[in-house]
Amino acid sequence: MGDRAKQVPARAGGSRTPRLSLSAAAPLALFSLMTGVVAVGLGALATLLVPGAEAKGLVWLVVTVLVAASAGLWWGLTPGAERLRVLDRALTAARPKDARGR
């Protein structure tokens, strides 16, 4: 009971530890969502190349896991500044030509 009394004032005064804001996690969430969609899509496309019905599920699973794992490793091992530079280049290339001049 005495420990709780000591903990309450510490919480009431506010902690000095930085908190992760929602906007800081947004790029990771967006990257994860898009990578998942691409991984599932590539897995589905790969199943079209497999003639046997039994192997289609295994091919879909393997391709999906490999693409998702590769993207996760890229995100985890690439420094933040370089990651943002690569993503910015991809976004710039994807924009329509008339929107680039604005």
Protein backbone atom coordinates (compact mmCIF):
# COMPACT_ATOMS: atom_id res chain seq x y z
CA MET A 1 0.00 0.00 0.00
CA GLY A 2 2.85 2.36 0.76
CA ASP A 3 4.38 1.71 -2.67
CA ARG A 4 1.21 2.85 -4.42
CA ALA A 5 1.25 6.12 -2.53
CA LYS A 6 4.78 6.76 -3.81
CA GLN A 7 3.85 5.90 -7.39
CA VAL A 8 0.85 8.22 -7.69
CA PRO A 9 2.76 11.50 -7.22
CA ALA A 10 5.38 10.36 -9.71
CA ARG A 11 2.68 9.81 -12.32
CA ALA A 12 0.83 12.99 -11.46
CA GLY A 13 3.93 15.11 -12.00
CA GLY A 14 4.42 13.79 -15.51
CA SER A 15 7.22 11.65 -16.75
CA ARG A 16 10.28 12.96 -18.49
CA THR A 17 10.49 10.00 -20.86
CA PRO A 18 9.70 10.84 -24.50
CA ARG A 19 6.58 9.22 -25.89
CA LEU A 20 6.20 7.88 -29.38
CA SER A 21 3.65 9.97 -31.19
CA LEU A 22 1.18 8.57 -33.63
CA SER A 23 2.66 10.60 -36.48
CA ALA A 24 6.07 9.01 -35.90
CA ALA A 25 4.60 5.55 -36.41
CA ALA A 26 2.61 6.49 -39.51
CA PRO A 27 5.38 5.81 -42.08
CA LEU A 28 5.96 2.32 -40.66
CA ALA A 29 2.24 1.57 -40.63
CA LEU A 30 1.81 2.77 -44.21
CA PHE A 31 4.88 0.84 -45.38
CA SER A 32 3.67 -2.31 -43.64
CA LEU A 33 0.20 -2.02 -45.13
CA MET A 34 1.48 -1.47 -48.65
CA THR A 35 4.08 -4.22 -48.34
CA GLY A 36 1.42 -6.64 -47.18
CA VAL A 37 -0.80 -5.82 -50.13
CA VAL A 38 2.09 -6.20 -52.58
CA ALA A 39 3.26 -9.44 -50.95
CA VAL A 40 -0.20 -11.03 -51.15
CA GLY A 41 -0.61 -9.81 -54.74
CA LEU A 42 2.74 -11.23 -55.83
CA GLY A 43 1.91 -14.49 -54.08
CA ALA A 44 -1.38 -14.68 -55.97
CA LEU A 45 0.35 -13.92 -59.27
CA ALA A 46 2.93 -16.62 -58.59
CA THR A 47 0.16 -19.19 -58.12
CA LEU A 48 -0.99 -18.55 -61.66
CA LEU A 49 2.32 -19.97 -62.90
CA VAL A 50 1.94 -23.24 -60.97
CA PRO A 51 0.10 -26.00 -62.83
CA GLY A 52 -0.74 -28.26 -59.87
CA ALA A 53 -3.66 -27.37 -57.61
CA GLU A 54 -1.98 -28.87 -54.53
CA ALA A 55 1.13 -26.71 -54.86
CA LYS A 56 -0.70 -23.40 -55.38
CA GLY A 57 -1.27 -22.79 -51.68
CA LEU A 58 2.33 -23.57 -50.81
CA VAL A 59 3.67 -21.32 -53.58
CA TRP A 60 1.37 -18.48 -52.49
CA LEU A 61 2.50 -18.85 -48.86
CA VAL A 62 6.22 -19.03 -49.68
CA VAL A 63 6.19 -16.05 -52.06
CA THR A 64 4.11 -13.95 -49.66
CA VAL A 65 6.37 -14.71 -46.70
CA LEU A 66 9.55 -14.06 -48.71
CA VAL A 67 8.36 -10.70 -50.03
CA ALA A 68 7.09 -9.58 -46.62
CA ALA A 69 10.25 -10.74 -44.84
CA SER A 70 12.47 -9.01 -47.39
CA ALA A 71 10.59 -5.75 -46.96
CA GLY A 72 10.76 -6.06 -43.18
CA LEU A 73 14.50 -6.66 -43.29
CA TRP A 74 14.95 -3.70 -45.61
CA TRP A 75 13.00 -1.47 -43.21
CA GLY A 76 14.88 -2.72 -40.18
CA LEU A 77 18.40 -2.66 -41.58
CA THR A 78 18.32 0.52 -43.67
CA PRO A 79 19.13 3.79 -41.87
CA GLY A 80 16.18 6.15 -41.54
CA ALA A 81 17.51 8.92 -43.77
CA GLU A 82 18.27 6.57 -46.65
CA ARG A 83 14.90 4.86 -46.25
CA LEU A 84 13.11 8.20 -46.56
CA ARG A 85 15.21 9.15 -49.59
CA VAL A 86 14.31 5.91 -51.39
CA LEU A 87 10.61 6.24 -50.56
CA ASP A 88 10.61 9.87 -51.70
CA ARG A 89 12.18 8.89 -55.04
CA ALA A 90 9.52 6.21 -55.50
CA LEU A 91 6.73 8.69 -54.75
CA THR A 92 8.19 11.27 -57.11
CA ALA A 93 8.40 8.73 -59.92
CA ALA A 94 4.80 7.63 -59.33
CA ARG A 95 3.31 11.12 -59.52
CA PRO A 96 1.76 12.22 -62.80
CA LYS A 97 3.97 14.52 -64.86
CA ASP A 98 1.61 17.48 -64.60
CA ALA A 99 1.68 17.32 -60.75
CA ARG A 100 5.50 17.45 -60.58
CA GLY A 101 5.75 21.04 -61.74
CA ARG A 102 3.46 22.40 -59.04
